[in-house]
């Protein structure tokens, strides 16, 4: 599975943060990474929810032509 752009950006932000000395700039980059990872997880949850909804709709729809 390919790495999403949000996860890649979060990883880059964490790597940049590790190179900085302890302080507000480092904390800002870490917070950015946490936010990006959160958004990526929410995107994945949304995709799963959409798939489940679509699957339920297909199951609940009446068939137009009966099988014989």
Protein backbone atom coordinates (compact mmCIF):
# COMPACT_ATOMS: atom_id res chain seq x y z
CA UNK A 1 0.00 0.00 0.00
CA UNK A 2 1.36 3.42 -0.93
CA UNK A 3 2.09 5.98 1.77
CA UNK A 4 -0.38 8.85 1.72
CA UNK A 5 0.89 12.39 1.14
CA UNK A 6 -0.35 13.45 4.60
CA UNK A 7 1.62 10.70 6.31
CA UNK A 8 4.70 11.56 4.24
CA UNK A 9 4.43 15.23 5.24
CA UNK A 10 4.03 14.25 8.89
CA UNK A 11 7.14 12.10 8.70
CA UNK A 12 9.11 14.93 7.09
CA UNK A 13 7.96 17.37 9.78
CA UNK A 14 9.06 14.98 12.54
CA UNK A 15 12.46 14.49 10.92
CA UNK A 16 12.95 18.26 10.66
CA UNK A 17 11.83 18.67 14.28
CA UNK A 18 14.42 16.16 15.50
CA UNK A 19 17.19 18.27 13.99
CA UNK A 20 16.12 21.39 15.89
CA UNK A 21 17.09 22.25 19.46
CA UNK A 22 14.42 21.98 22.14
CA UNK A 23 12.13 24.98 21.92
CA UNK A 24 9.00 26.45 20.35
CA UNK A 25 10.04 25.83 16.73
CA UNK A 26 10.57 22.14 17.42
CA UNK A 27 7.26 21.92 19.28
CA UNK A 28 5.43 23.60 16.40
CA UNK A 29 6.75 21.06 13.92
CA UNK A 30 5.82 18.19 16.24
CA UNK A 31 2.30 19.57 16.62
CA UNK A 32 2.04 19.92 12.84
CA UNK A 33 3.02 16.27 12.45
CA UNK A 34 0.44 15.17 15.03
CA UNK A 35 -2.26 17.14 13.21
CA UNK A 36 -1.33 15.69 9.84
CA UNK A 37 -1.40 12.14 11.21
CA UNK A 38 -4.80 12.82 12.77
CA UNK A 39 -6.16 14.06 9.44
CA UNK A 40 -4.79 10.99 7.66
CA UNK A 41 -6.48 8.67 10.17
CA UNK A 42 -9.77 10.54 9.79
CA UNK A 43 -9.50 10.24 6.01
CA UNK A 44 -9.01 6.48 6.30
CA UNK A 45 -11.96 6.14 8.68
CA UNK A 46 -14.11 8.16 6.30
CA UNK A 47 -13.17 5.91 3.39
CA UNK A 48 -14.11 2.80 5.37
CA UNK A 49 -17.39 4.39 6.46
CA UNK A 50 -18.22 5.31 2.86
CA UNK A 51 -17.46 1.78 1.67
CA UNK A 52 -19.64 0.27 4.38
CA UNK A 53 -22.50 2.63 3.52
CA UNK A 54 -22.21 1.82 -0.17
CA UNK A 55 -22.13 -1.89 0.60
CA UNK A 56 -25.25 -1.60 2.76
CA UNK A 57 -27.05 0.31 0.02
CA UNK A 58 -26.25 -2.40 -2.52
CA UNK A 59 -27.47 -5.11 -0.14
CA UNK A 60 -30.70 -3.24 0.63
CA UNK A 61 -31.60 -2.33 -2.95
CA UNK A 62 -34.32 -4.46 -4.56
CA UNK A 63 -33.22 -6.62 -7.44
CA UNK A 64 -34.68 -5.71 -10.79
CA UNK A 65 -34.36 -9.10 -12.39
CA UNK A 66 -34.78 -12.30 -10.37
CA UNK A 67 -32.31 -15.11 -10.94
CA UNK A 68 -33.64 -18.33 -12.40
